[in-house]
Amino acid sequence: MERSLIYSMLLLLFASCMKEDIASADLQVMTDASTYQVGDTVVFRFEGAPDNIVFYSGERGRNYELKDRQYADNDLQIDFKTLVQWGVIYDNLQLLVSNDFSGVYTADEISRAKWVDISDKAVFSTGQDNTPSGTVSLKPYASPADTATMYVAFRYTDFQKPQQNRWVIRTFNAVKVSPEGVETNVATMSSAGWKGISFLNDSKVWTISAAQLLMYGGVAADTDNDDWVISKGFKVRESVADKGTALKNISASMREYKYVYKTPGVYKAVFETSSTWYSGRKEGYTEITVNIKP
């Protein structure tokens, strides 16, 4: 009985020691100054030994407060290059966008959707190859709903005549821009998910490849033509969360970290810490303000 009691007391003592033996996530961060010049090396000195440290510099795309953001008031910007040839050249290629297209690529579903003609926002070829469109912002046409989807379309129309126009879209880029100005490429010509739909004259349709979009047009015997090519849907408001830099894990030790800011500003540098032990986990957070002068 006495031996059992002693054993129980030892177990309680051991459990108590284990509970107190959780590795600390506390971290104190110091710098030699509060103000630096652009290009200076900022040395963050550490006191404490958490298992893991993740660093957020406070710059665009590296803001701790935005690491869990799912949606934002983003812009979607596109640009492309075109060529038009053959026949009497006129404005028969349109640029359109829709935020209520169902994503079912049929003539009926396209007709049901509301499409906004924004051709006047872009520059199209009048005979010169690789004519740049300029950057076209689609933000004014995006739905305010967080989960809404936007589609981009090119519509080719021509009528029966001795020679219909030939159009080539040489390049295409779509970039999502966060409210802070962080740019994320979301599509190129090869990844935009283009699908062609013919309304008139199925013998002349868009040729889609990873390199370009091509509409040959027709000769004198060809009838009126109406053909669309539509991108995949873009979730404009979906946000790319800001990211931190993992500085250390449990297998490494670190007493300081050096970083160079390349743009003037006042930055809130954050060090997110954590430690995991057999009896529990602790998390921590330390911030320090750094003023970067030009």
C-alpha atoms as a PDB file:
ATOM      1  CA  MET A   1       0.000   0.000   0.000  1.00  0.00           C
ATOM      2  CA  GLU A   2       2.809   2.371   0.990  1.00  0.00           C
ATOM      3  CA  ARG A   3       4.722   1.430  -2.154  1.00  0.00           C
ATOM      4  CA  SER A   4       1.615   2.150  -4.286  1.00  0.00           C
ATOM      5  CA  LEU A   5       1.185   5.543  -2.641  1.00  0.00           C
ATOM      6  CA  ILE A   6       4.807   6.443  -3.299  1.00  0.00           C
ATOM      7  CA  TYR A   7       4.428   5.354  -6.939  1.00  0.00           C
ATOM      8  CA  SER A   8       1.321   7.511  -7.365  1.00  0.00           C
ATOM      9  CA  MET A   9       3.086  10.509  -5.886  1.00  0.00           C
ATOM     10  CA  LEU A  10       6.008  10.036  -8.252  1.00  0.00           C
ATOM     11  CA  LEU A  11       3.639   9.916 -11.223  1.00  0.00           C
ATOM     12  CA  LEU A  12       2.001  13.152 -10.119  1.00  0.00           C
ATOM     13  CA  LEU A  13       5.374  14.773  -9.668  1.00  0.00           C
ATOM     14  CA  PHE A  14       6.517  13.592 -13.090  1.00  0.00           C
ATOM     15  CA  ALA A  15       3.312  14.851 -14.734  1.00  0.00           C
ATOM     16  CA  SER A  16       3.762  18.192 -13.004  1.00  0.00           C
ATOM     17  CA  CYS A  17       7.310  18.470 -14.281  1.00  0.00           C
ATOM     18  CA  MET A  18       6.172  17.614 -17.792  1.00  0.00           C
ATOM     19  CA  LYS A  19       3.512  20.315 -17.658  1.00  0.00           C
ATOM     20  CA  GLU A  20       6.038  22.922 -16.601  1.00  0.00           C
ATOM     21  CA  ASP A  21       8.526  21.704 -19.178  1.00  0.00           C
ATOM     22  CA  ILE A  22       6.645  23.086 -22.195  1.00  0.00           C
ATOM     23  CA  ALA A  23       9.074  24.961 -24.425  1.00  0.00           C
ATOM     24  CA  SER A  24       8.405  28.714 -24.348  1.00  0.00           C
ATOM     25  CA  ALA A  25       7.178  30.623 -27.405  1.00  0.00           C
ATOM     26  CA  ASP A  26       8.268  33.939 -25.905  1.00  0.00           C
ATOM     27  CA  LEU A  27      10.598  36.054 -28.017  1.00  0.00           C
ATOM     28  CA  GLN A  28      12.001  39.517 -27.423  1.00  0.00           C
ATOM     29  CA  VAL A  29      13.168  41.376 -30.526  1.00  0.00           C
ATOM     30  CA  MET A  30      15.510  44.362 -30.510  1.00  0.00           C
ATOM     31  CA  THR A  31      17.255  46.494 -33.142  1.00  0.00           C
ATOM     32  CA  ASP A  32      20.208  48.829 -32.839  1.00  0.00           C
ATOM     33  CA  ALA A  33      18.073  51.784 -34.021  1.00  0.00           C
ATOM     34  CA  SER A  34      14.492  52.639 -34.900  1.00  0.00           C
ATOM     35  CA  THR A  35      15.332  54.501 -38.113  1.00  0.00           C
ATOM     36  CA  TYR A  36      17.352  53.264 -41.083  1.00  0.00           C
ATOM     37  CA  GLN A  37      18.067  54.288 -44.658  1.00  0.00           C
ATOM     38  CA  VAL A  38      16.860  52.357 -47.710  1.00  0.00           C
ATOM     39  CA  GLY A  39      19.383  49.622 -48.367  1.00  0.00           C
ATOM     40  CA  ASP A  40      20.656  49.452 -44.793  1.00  0.00           C
ATOM     41  CA  THR A  41      20.870  46.053 -43.148  1.00  0.00           C
ATOM     42  CA  VAL A  42      18.459  45.877 -40.230  1.00  0.00           C
ATOM     43  CA  VAL A  43      19.663  43.398 -37.629  1.00  0.00           C
ATOM     44  CA  PHE A  44      16.878  41.960 -35.479  1.00  0.00           C
ATOM     45  CA  ARG A  45      18.395  40.489 -32.311  1.00  0.00           C
ATOM     46  CA  PHE A  46      16.542  37.767 -30.414  1.00  0.00           C
ATOM     47  CA  GLU A  47      16.194  36.845 -26.781  1.00  0.00           C
ATOM     48  CA  GLY A  48      14.239  33.646 -26.329  1.00  0.00           C
ATOM     49  CA  ALA A  49      14.230  30.255 -27.975  1.00  0.00           C
ATOM     50  CA  PRO A  50      10.870  29.310 -29.522  1.00  0.00           C
ATOM     51  CA  ASP A  51      10.837  26.245 -31.721  1.00  0.00           C
ATOM     52  CA  ASN A  52       9.559  28.102 -34.793  1.00  0.00           C
ATOM     53  CA  ILE A  53       9.798  31.695 -36.004  1.00  0.00           C
ATOM     54  CA  VAL A  54       7.985  33.137 -39.025  1.00  0.00           C
ATOM     55  CA  PHE A  55       8.864  36.685 -40.112  1.00  0.00           C
ATOM     56  CA  TYR A  56       6.485  39.227 -41.680  1.00  0.00           C
ATOM     57  CA  SER A  57       8.392  42.317 -42.827  1.00  0.00           C
ATOM     58  CA  GLY A  58       5.295  44.543 -43.062  1.00  0.00           C
ATOM     59  CA  GLU A  59       5.879  45.216 -46.768  1.00  0.00           C
ATOM     60  CA  ARG A  60       3.248  44.683 -49.448  1.00  0.00           C
ATOM     61  CA  GLY A  61       2.472  40.983 -49.640  1.00  0.00           C
ATOM     62  CA  ARG A  62       4.202  40.354 -46.286  1.00  0.00           C
ATOM     63  CA  ASN A  63       1.739  41.917 -43.875  1.00  0.00           C
ATOM     64  CA  TYR A  64       0.910  39.818 -40.814  1.00  0.00           C
ATOM     65  CA  GLU A  65      -2.563  41.349 -40.493  1.00  0.00           C
ATOM     66  CA  LEU A  66      -3.486  40.075 -43.976  1.00  0.00           C
ATOM     67  CA  LYS A  67      -2.166  36.522 -43.653  1.00  0.00           C
ATOM     68  CA  ASP A  68      -5.652  35.048 -43.273  1.00  0.00           C
ATOM     69  CA  ARG A  69      -7.548  37.346 -45.659  1.00  0.00           C
ATOM     70  CA  GLN A  70      -9.800  35.418 -48.059  1.00  0.00           C
ATOM     71  CA  TYR A  71     -11.447  38.207 -50.061  1.00  0.00           C
ATOM     72  CA  ALA A  72     -10.491  41.754 -51.009  1.00  0.00           C
ATOM     73  CA  ASP A  73     -11.473  44.603 -53.306  1.00  0.00           C
ATOM     74  CA  ASN A  74      -9.086  43.430 -56.017  1.00  0.00           C
ATOM     75  CA  ASP A  75      -8.690  44.602 -59.582  1.00  0.00           C
ATOM     76  CA  LEU A  76      -8.381  42.243 -62.543  1.00  0.00           C
ATOM     77  CA  GLN A  77      -6.215  43.718 -65.284  1.00  0.00           C
ATOM     78  CA  ILE A  78      -5.743  42.237 -68.739  1.00  0.00           C
ATOM     79  CA  ASP A  79      -3.566  43.013 -71.716  1.00  0.00           C
ATOM     80  CA  PHE A  80      -3.107  41.359 -75.100  1.00  0.00           C
ATOM     81  CA  LYS A  81      -1.576  41.859 -78.551  1.00  0.00           C
ATOM     82  CA  THR A  82      -3.399  41.545 -81.873  1.00  0.00           C
ATOM     83  CA  LEU A  83      -2.977  41.417 -85.640  1.00  0.00           C
ATOM     84  CA  VAL A  84      -5.640  41.952 -88.312  1.00  0.00           C
ATOM     85  CA  GLN A  85      -5.144  41.153 -92.000  1.00  0.00           C
ATOM     86  CA  TRP A  86      -6.926  40.672 -95.321  1.00  0.00           C
ATOM     87  CA  GLY A  87      -9.806  42.465 -96.929  1.00  0.00           C
ATOM     88  CA  VAL A  88     -11.134  45.876 -95.976  1.00  0.00           C
ATOM     89  CA  ILE A  89     -10.195  46.197 -92.325  1.00  0.00           C
ATOM     90  CA  TYR A  90     -12.829  47.414 -89.885  1.00  0.00           C
ATOM     91  CA  ASP A  91     -13.775  47.015 -86.229  1.00  0.00           C
ATOM     92  CA  ASN A  92     -15.145  43.487 -86.236  1.00  0.00           C
ATOM     93  CA  LEU A  93     -13.450  42.120 -83.123  1.00  0.00           C
ATOM     94  CA  GLN A  94     -15.023  42.966 -79.764  1.00  0.00           C
ATOM     95  CA  LEU A  95     -13.787  42.599 -76.203  1.00  0.00           C
ATOM     96  CA  LEU A  96     -16.553  41.696 -73.736  1.00  0.00           C
ATOM     97  CA  VAL A  97     -16.870  40.748 -70.072  1.00  0.00           C
ATOM     98  CA  SER A  98     -19.619  39.111 -68.026  1.00  0.00           C
ATOM     99  CA  ASN A  99     -20.113  38.483 -64.330  1.00  0.00           C
ATOM    100  CA  ASP A 100     -23.291  36.424 -64.671  1.00  0.00           C
ATOM    101  CA  PHE A 101     -22.320  33.915 -67.378  1.00  0.00           C
ATOM    102  CA  SER A 102     -23.117  30.408 -66.139  1.00  0.00           C
ATOM    103  CA  GLY A 103     -19.858  28.879 -67.316  1.00  0.00           C
ATOM    104  CA  VAL A 104     -21.733  26.529 -69.665  1.00  0.00           C
ATOM    105  CA  TYR A 105     -20.153  27.213 -73.052  1.00  0.00           C
ATOM    106  CA  THR A 106     -23.163  26.980 -75.363  1.00  0.00           C
ATOM    107  CA  ALA A 107     -24.820  29.568 -77.598  1.00  0.00           C
ATOM    108  CA  ASP A 108     -27.973  29.507 -75.446  1.00  0.00           C
ATOM    109  CA  GLU A 109     -26.093  30.145 -72.193  1.00  0.00           C
ATOM    110  CA  ILE A 110     -24.008  32.898 -73.749  1.00  0.00           C
ATOM    111  CA  SER A 111     -27.173  34.602 -74.974  1.00  0.00           C
ATOM    112  CA  ARG A 112     -28.742  34.427 -71.500  1.00  0.00           C
ATOM    113  CA  ALA A 113     -25.802  36.204 -69.867  1.00  0.00           C
ATOM    114  CA  LYS A 114     -25.265  39.947 -69.733  1.00  0.00           C
ATOM    115  CA  TRP A 115     -22.123  40.911 -71.636  1.00  0.00           C
ATOM    116  CA  VAL A 116     -20.560  44.362 -71.443  1.00  0.00           C
ATOM    117  CA  ASP A 117     -18.734  45.562 -74.557  1.00  0.00           C
ATOM    118  CA  ILE A 118     -15.512  47.224 -73.406  1.00  0.00           C
ATOM    119  CA  SER A 119     -13.797  47.285 -76.802  1.00  0.00           C
ATOM    120  CA  ASP A 120     -13.266  51.028 -76.473  1.00  0.00           C
ATOM    121  CA  LYS A 121     -10.995  50.401 -73.454  1.00  0.00           C
ATOM    122  CA  ALA A 122      -8.410  48.548 -75.565  1.00  0.00           C
ATOM    123  CA  VAL A 123      -6.290  49.252 -78.634  1.00  0.00           C
ATOM    124  CA  PHE A 124      -6.710  46.807 -81.539  1.00  0.00           C
ATOM    125  CA  SER A 125      -4.541  46.231 -84.571  1.00  0.00           C
ATOM    126  CA  THR A 126      -5.366  48.129 -87.763  1.00  0.00           C
ATOM    127  CA  GLY A 127      -2.820  46.101 -89.719  1.00  0.00           C
ATOM    128  CA  GLN A 128       0.268  46.221 -87.538  1.00  0.00           C
ATOM    129  CA  ASP A 129       1.387  42.964 -85.928  1.00  0.00           C
ATOM    130  CA  ASN A 130       1.666  42.604 -82.149  1.00  0.00           C
ATOM    131  CA  THR A 131      -0.340  45.743 -81.466  1.00  0.00           C
ATOM    132  CA  PRO A 132      -0.478  46.131 -77.664  1.00  0.00           C
ATOM    133  CA  SER A 133      -3.928  46.635 -76.187  1.00  0.00           C
ATOM    134  CA  GLY A 134      -2.676  48.574 -73.184  1.00  0.00           C
ATOM    135  CA  THR A 135      -3.720  47.583 -69.676  1.00  0.00           C
ATOM    136  CA  VAL A 136      -7.484  47.172 -69.299  1.00  0.00           C
ATOM    137  CA  SER A 137      -8.932  47.289 -65.788  1.00  0.00           C
ATOM    138  CA  LEU A 138     -11.953  45.052 -65.274  1.00  0.00           C
ATOM    139  CA  LYS A 139     -12.666  46.250 -61.747  1.00  0.00           C
ATOM    140  CA  PRO A 140     -15.618  48.476 -62.793  1.00  0.00           C
ATOM    141  CA  TYR A 141     -17.386  45.401 -64.182  1.00  0.00           C
ATOM    142  CA  ALA A 142     -16.740  42.983 -61.297  1.00  0.00           C
ATOM    143  CA  SER A 143     -19.588  41.820 -59.077  1.00  0.00           C
ATOM    144  CA  PRO A 144     -19.433  42.901 -55.416  1.00  0.00           C
ATOM    145  CA  ALA A 145     -20.176  39.326 -54.323  1.00  0.00           C
ATOM    146  CA  ASP A 146     -17.075  37.667 -52.861  1.00  0.00           C
ATOM    147  CA  THR A 147     -17.548  34.418 -54.772  1.00  0.00           C
ATOM    148  CA  ALA A 148     -18.608  35.966 -58.103  1.00  0.00           C
ATOM    149  CA  THR A 149     -16.870  34.905 -61.315  1.00  0.00           C
ATOM    150  CA  MET A 150     -15.883  37.078 -64.277  1.00  0.00           C
ATOM    151  CA  TYR A 151     -15.400  35.874 -67.855  1.00  0.00           C
ATOM    152  CA  VAL A 152     -13.541  37.546 -70.719  1.00  0.00           C
ATOM    153  CA  ALA A 153     -14.600  37.053 -74.335  1.00  0.00           C
ATOM    154  CA  PHE A 154     -13.526  38.016 -77.842  1.00  0.00           C
ATOM    155  CA  ARG A 155     -16.329  38.132 -80.392  1.00  0.00           C
ATOM    156  CA  TYR A 156     -15.628  38.022 -84.132  1.00  0.00           C
ATOM    157  CA  THR A 157     -18.315  39.066 -86.594  1.00  0.00           C
ATOM    158  CA  ASP A 158     -18.084  39.514 -90.356  1.00  0.00           C
ATOM    159  CA  PHE A 159     -20.402  39.409 -93.356  1.00  0.00           C
ATOM    160  CA  GLN A 160     -20.311  37.827 -96.798  1.00  0.00           C
ATOM    161  CA  LYS A 161     -17.869  39.762 -98.974  1.00  0.00           C
ATOM    162  CA  PRO A 162     -14.881  39.035-101.243  1.00  0.00           C
ATOM    163  CA  GLN A 163     -12.531  38.616 -98.262  1.00  0.00           C
ATOM    164  CA  GLN A 164     -13.324  38.506 -94.553  1.00  0.00           C
ATOM    165  CA  ASN A 165     -10.802  39.741 -91.989  1.00  0.00           C
ATOM    166  CA  ARG A 166      -8.280  37.457 -90.357  1.00  0.00           C
ATOM    167  CA  TRP A 167      -7.642  38.184 -86.659  1.00  0.00           C
ATOM    168  CA  VAL A 168      -4.866  36.828 -84.468  1.00  0.00           C
ATOM    169  CA  ILE A 169      -4.612  37.382 -80.721  1.00  0.00           C
ATOM    170  CA  ARG A 170      -0.915  36.881 -80.142  1.00  0.00           C
ATOM    171  CA  THR A 171      -0.671  37.169 -76.370  1.00  0.00           C
ATOM    172  CA  PHE A 172      -2.947  37.423 -73.345  1.00  0.00           C
ATOM    173  CA  ASN A 173      -2.253  38.124 -69.690  1.00  0.00           C
ATOM    174  CA  ALA A 174      -4.567  38.492 -66.693  1.00  0.00           C
ATOM    175  CA  VAL A 175      -3.201  39.916 -63.456  1.00  0.00           C
ATOM    176  CA  LYS A 176      -5.000  40.249 -60.131  1.00  0.00           C
ATOM    177  CA  VAL A 177      -3.997  43.380 -58.208  1.00  0.00           C
ATOM    178  CA  SER A 178      -4.670  43.611 -54.468  1.00  0.00           C
ATOM    179  CA  PRO A 179      -5.782  46.870 -52.795  1.00  0.00           C
ATOM    180  CA  GLU A 180      -2.165  47.229 -51.610  1.00  0.00           C
ATOM    181  CA  GLY A 181      -0.861  46.898 -55.178  1.00  0.00           C
ATOM    182  CA  VAL A 182       0.459  43.336 -55.033  1.00  0.00           C
ATOM    183  CA  GLU A 183       0.236  41.761 -58.499  1.00  0.00           C
ATOM    184  CA  THR A 184      -0.473  38.059 -59.075  1.00  0.00           C
ATOM    185  CA  ASN A 185      -0.593  36.605 -62.571  1.00  0.00           C
ATOM    186  CA  VAL A 186      -3.715  34.457 -62.896  1.00  0.00           C
ATOM    187  CA  ALA A 187      -3.641  33.572 -66.605  1.00  0.00           C
ATOM    188  CA  THR A 188      -1.603  33.652 -69.782  1.00  0.00           C
ATOM    189  CA  MET A 189      -2.638  32.641 -73.281  1.00  0.00           C
ATOM    190  CA  SER A 190      -1.944  28.981 -72.554  1.00  0.00           C
ATOM    191  CA  SER A 191      -3.692  28.891 -69.160  1.00  0.00           C
ATOM    192  CA  ALA A 192      -6.747  31.087 -69.756  1.00  0.00           C
ATOM    193  CA  GLY A 193      -8.987  28.108 -70.523  1.00  0.00           C
ATOM    194  CA  TRP A 194     -10.308  29.403 -73.857  1.00  0.00           C
ATOM    195  CA  LYS A 195     -13.339  27.748 -75.437  1.00  0.00           C
ATOM    196  CA  GLY A 196     -14.802  28.616 -78.839  1.00  0.00           C
ATOM    197  CA  ILE A 197     -18.521  28.843 -79.614  1.00  0.00           C
ATOM    198  CA  SER A 198     -19.938  29.345 -83.099  1.00  0.00           C
ATOM    199  CA  PHE A 199     -23.205  31.230 -83.669  1.00  0.00           C
ATOM    200  CA  LEU A 200     -22.944  31.522 -87.454  1.00  0.00           C
ATOM    201  CA  ASN A 201     -20.891  29.688 -90.105  1.00  0.00           C
ATOM    202  CA  ASP A 202     -19.464  26.607 -88.400  1.00  0.00           C
ATOM    203  CA  SER A 203     -16.887  26.196 -91.177  1.00  0.00           C
ATOM    204  CA  LYS A 204     -14.899  29.190 -89.911  1.00  0.00           C
ATOM    205  CA  VAL A 205     -14.266  29.063 -86.160  1.00  0.00           C
ATOM    206  CA  TRP A 206     -11.603  30.124 -83.685  1.00  0.00           C
ATOM    207  CA  THR A 207      -8.441  28.028 -83.681  1.00  0.00           C
ATOM    208  CA  ILE A 208      -7.188  27.837 -80.120  1.00  0.00           C
ATOM    209  CA  SER A 209      -3.621  26.931 -79.178  1.00  0.00           C
ATOM    210  CA  ALA A 210      -1.227  27.564 -76.333  1.00  0.00           C
ATOM    211  CA  ALA A 211       0.453  30.231 -78.464  1.00  0.00           C
ATOM    212  CA  GLN A 212      -2.459  32.225 -79.914  1.00  0.00           C
ATOM    213  CA  LEU A 213      -6.132  32.592 -80.841  1.00  0.00           C
ATOM    214  CA  LEU A 214      -6.738  32.634 -84.598  1.00  0.00           C
ATOM    215  CA  MET A 215      -9.787  33.418 -86.727  1.00  0.00           C
ATOM    216  CA  TYR A 216      -9.049  32.875 -90.429  1.00  0.00           C
ATOM    217  CA  GLY A 217     -12.140  34.567 -91.800  1.00  0.00           C
ATOM    218  CA  GLY A 218     -13.657  33.512 -95.073  1.00  0.00           C
ATOM    219  CA  VAL A 219     -13.529  34.110 -98.821  1.00  0.00           C
ATOM    220  CA  ALA A 220     -16.253  35.280-101.181  1.00  0.00           C
ATOM    221  CA  ALA A 221     -18.278  32.070-100.896  1.00  0.00           C
ATOM    222  CA  ASP A 222     -18.414  32.204 -97.087  1.00  0.00           C
ATOM    223  CA  THR A 223     -21.546  33.455 -95.384  1.00  0.00           C
ATOM    224  CA  ASP A 224     -21.905  35.804 -92.416  1.00  0.00           C
ATOM    225  CA  ASN A 225     -19.910  34.763 -89.367  1.00  0.00           C
ATOM    226  CA  ASP A 226     -20.353  35.186 -85.608  1.00  0.00           C
ATOM    227  CA  ASP A 227     -17.897  33.373 -83.346  1.00  0.00           C
ATOM    228  CA  TRP A 228     -16.943  33.772 -79.700  1.00  0.00           C
ATOM    229  CA  VAL A 229     -13.935  32.629 -77.712  1.00  0.00           C
ATOM    230  CA  ILE A 230     -14.382  32.816 -73.920  1.00  0.00           C
ATOM    231  CA  SER A 231     -11.905  32.455 -71.089  1.00  0.00           C
ATOM    232  CA  LYS A 232     -12.249  30.469 -67.910  1.00  0.00           C
ATOM    233  CA  GLY A 233     -13.909  32.207 -64.983  1.00  0.00           C
ATOM    234  CA  PHE A 234     -11.860  34.481 -62.741  1.00  0.00           C
ATOM    235  CA  LYS A 235     -12.660  34.843 -59.025  1.00  0.00           C
ATOM    236  CA  VAL A 236     -11.782  38.520 -58.854  1.00  0.00           C
ATOM    237  CA  ARG A 237     -12.326  39.067 -55.122  1.00  0.00           C
ATOM    238  CA  GLU A 238     -10.547  35.943 -53.941  1.00  0.00           C
ATOM    239  CA  SER A 239      -7.437  37.110 -52.143  1.00  0.00           C
ATOM    240  CA  VAL A 240      -3.935  35.747 -52.143  1.00  0.00           C
ATOM    241  CA  ALA A 241      -3.048  35.836 -48.450  1.00  0.00           C
ATOM    242  CA  ASP A 242       0.117  37.646 -47.411  1.00  0.00           C
ATOM    243  CA  LYS A 243       2.978  35.308 -46.599  1.00  0.00           C
ATOM    244  CA  GLY A 244       5.721  35.221 -44.012  1.00  0.00           C
ATOM    245  CA  THR A 245       9.234  33.820 -44.178  1.00  0.00           C
ATOM    246  CA  ALA A 246      10.036  30.808 -42.015  1.00  0.00           C
ATOM    247  CA  LEU A 247      13.274  31.669 -40.196  1.00  0.00           C
ATOM    248  CA  LYS A 248      13.773  28.639 -37.988  1.00  0.00           C
ATOM    249  CA  ASN A 249      12.292  25.365 -36.830  1.00  0.00           C
ATOM    250  CA  ILE A 250      12.962  23.195 -33.823  1.00  0.00           C
ATOM    251  CA  SER A 251      16.173  21.803 -35.305  1.00  0.00           C
ATOM    252  CA  ALA A 252      17.825  25.207 -35.718  1.00  0.00           C
ATOM    253  CA  SER A 253      18.998  27.932 -33.367  1.00  0.00           C
ATOM    254  CA  MET A 254      18.962  31.632 -34.146  1.00  0.00           C
ATOM    255  CA  ARG A 255      20.130  34.687 -32.236  1.00  0.00           C
ATOM    256  CA  GLU A 256      19.579  37.320 -34.934  1.00  0.00           C
ATOM    257  CA  TYR A 257      18.099  37.916 -38.363  1.00  0.00           C
ATOM    258  CA  LYS A 258      19.269  40.413 -40.982  1.00  0.00           C
ATOM    259  CA  TYR A 259      16.902  42.072 -43.452  1.00  0.00           C
ATOM    260  CA  VAL A 260      17.125  44.876 -46.041  1.00  0.00           C
ATOM    261  CA  TYR A 261      14.158  47.133 -46.832  1.00  0.00           C
ATOM    262  CA  LYS A 262      14.285  48.554 -50.365  1.00  0.00           C
ATOM    263  CA  THR A 263      11.427  51.067 -50.153  1.00  0.00           C
ATOM    264  CA  PRO A 264      10.926  53.964 -47.722  1.00  0.00           C
ATOM    265  CA  GLY A 265       8.111  53.624 -45.205  1.00  0.00           C
ATOM    266  CA  VAL A 266       7.143  52.793 -41.665  1.00  0.00           C
ATOM    267  CA  TYR A 267       6.909  49.026 -41.308  1.00  0.00           C
ATOM    268  CA  LYS A 268       5.472  46.847 -38.557  1.00  0.00           C
ATOM    269  CA  ALA A 269       7.737  43.822 -38.536  1.00  0.00           C
ATOM    270  CA  VAL A 270       6.120  40.812 -36.886  1.00  0.00           C
ATOM    271  CA  PHE A 271       7.699  37.618 -35.605  1.00  0.00           C
ATOM    272  CA  GLU A 272       5.156  34.817 -35.175  1.00  0.00           C
ATOM    273  CA  THR A 273       6.427  32.125 -32.835  1.00  0.00           C
ATOM    274  CA  SER A 274       5.351  28.691 -31.670  1.00  0.00           C
ATOM    275  CA  SER A 275       6.690  25.821 -29.596  1.00  0.00           C
ATOM    276  CA  THR A 276       5.283  22.321 -29.310  1.00  0.00           C
ATOM    277  CA  TRP A 277       6.142  19.902 -26.500  1.00  0.00           C
ATOM    278  CA  TYR A 278       4.776  16.500 -25.521  1.00  0.00           C
ATOM    279  CA  SER A 279       2.388  18.104 -23.047  1.00  0.00           C
ATOM    280  CA  GLY A 280       1.138  21.082 -25.047  1.00  0.00           C
ATOM    281  CA  ARG A 281       1.699  23.898 -27.501  1.00  0.00           C
ATOM    282  CA  LYS A 282       2.344  27.600 -27.092  1.00  0.00           C
ATOM    283  CA  GLU A 283       2.146  30.399 -29.642  1.00  0.00           C
ATOM    284  CA  GLY A 284       3.523  33.913 -29.511  1.00  0.00           C
ATOM    285  CA  TYR A 285       3.652  37.190 -31.388  1.00  0.00           C
ATOM    286  CA  THR A 286       6.224  39.980 -31.247  1.00  0.00           C
ATOM    287  CA  GLU A 287       6.161  43.178 -33.279  1.00  0.00           C
ATOM    288  CA  ILE A 288       8.635  46.003 -33.743  1.00  0.00           C
ATOM    289  CA  THR A 289       8.311  49.193 -35.785  1.00  0.00           C
ATOM    290  CA  VAL A 290      11.032  50.031 -38.294  1.00  0.00           C
ATOM    291  CA  ASN A 291      11.225  53.448 -39.969  1.00  0.00           C
ATOM    292  CA  ILE A 292      12.974  53.380 -43.369  1.00  0.00           C
ATOM    293  CA  LYS A 293      14.074  56.755 -44.768  1.00  0.00           C
ATOM    294  CA  PRO A 294      14.876  57.452 -48.484  1.00  0.00           C
END
